[in-house]
Amino acid sequence: MRSPKPLTVDVFDLARERGVIEGDLPLDALPRLASSLLRADGALHFRIRGEIDAQSHPGAELHLRADLVLQCQRCSNEIRYPLRRDVHFRFVGSDEELAAIPIVDDEVEIIVGSRSMAVAPWLEDEAILSLPVVPRHEGCRALVASEVADEEPAPDRPNPFAALAALKAGRKPS
């Protein structure tokens, strides 16, 4: 497993300067993401563009792209998953500041920024959040449904509670 170059950024300077950071992180260098993949081939491409919003808050626009190989949870075969994540962030200076902000805008993620924020863990978190909860092929649903339709119905069995009721009533169960 490779370890990415430690990339840190002052997110407040990035926002103020409207700077851009762009690059690729090898998937096998992102251990938490790689553990969810069938194969950690390829790279996670990212582009971060600093911005200041209409209320003068520092933030960034993040774009992630990768072609991931997951395991279908229905048939266990590989499934290609095109990760595409575009999200806007607003940076705050502390956990206290974050806790004081009411959650009213689902389109902007608010996170605690830093003067030396590690980029790789941030990108890895966002990639993990983009993964499907249960990866599966579209065709697998039809396959499972047709198998169920072809099964023979279970034979009628006596209800065990009916036998219990008969015993309680003093009769011999049939």
Foldseek 3Di string as FASTA:
>chain_A
DDADDFAWAQQQVQQVVQHKDWDWAQQVNLVVLCVQAPHRGDTKTKMWTWHQDPVRFTKIKMWIWDWTWGAQPQPRDIDTDTQTDIAIETEDADPVVVVPDDPDDPRYHYDHGHRTHGDSVVVSVVSVVRDDPHDHDPCSVVVVVVVVVPDDDDDDDDDVVVCVVCVVVVHHRD
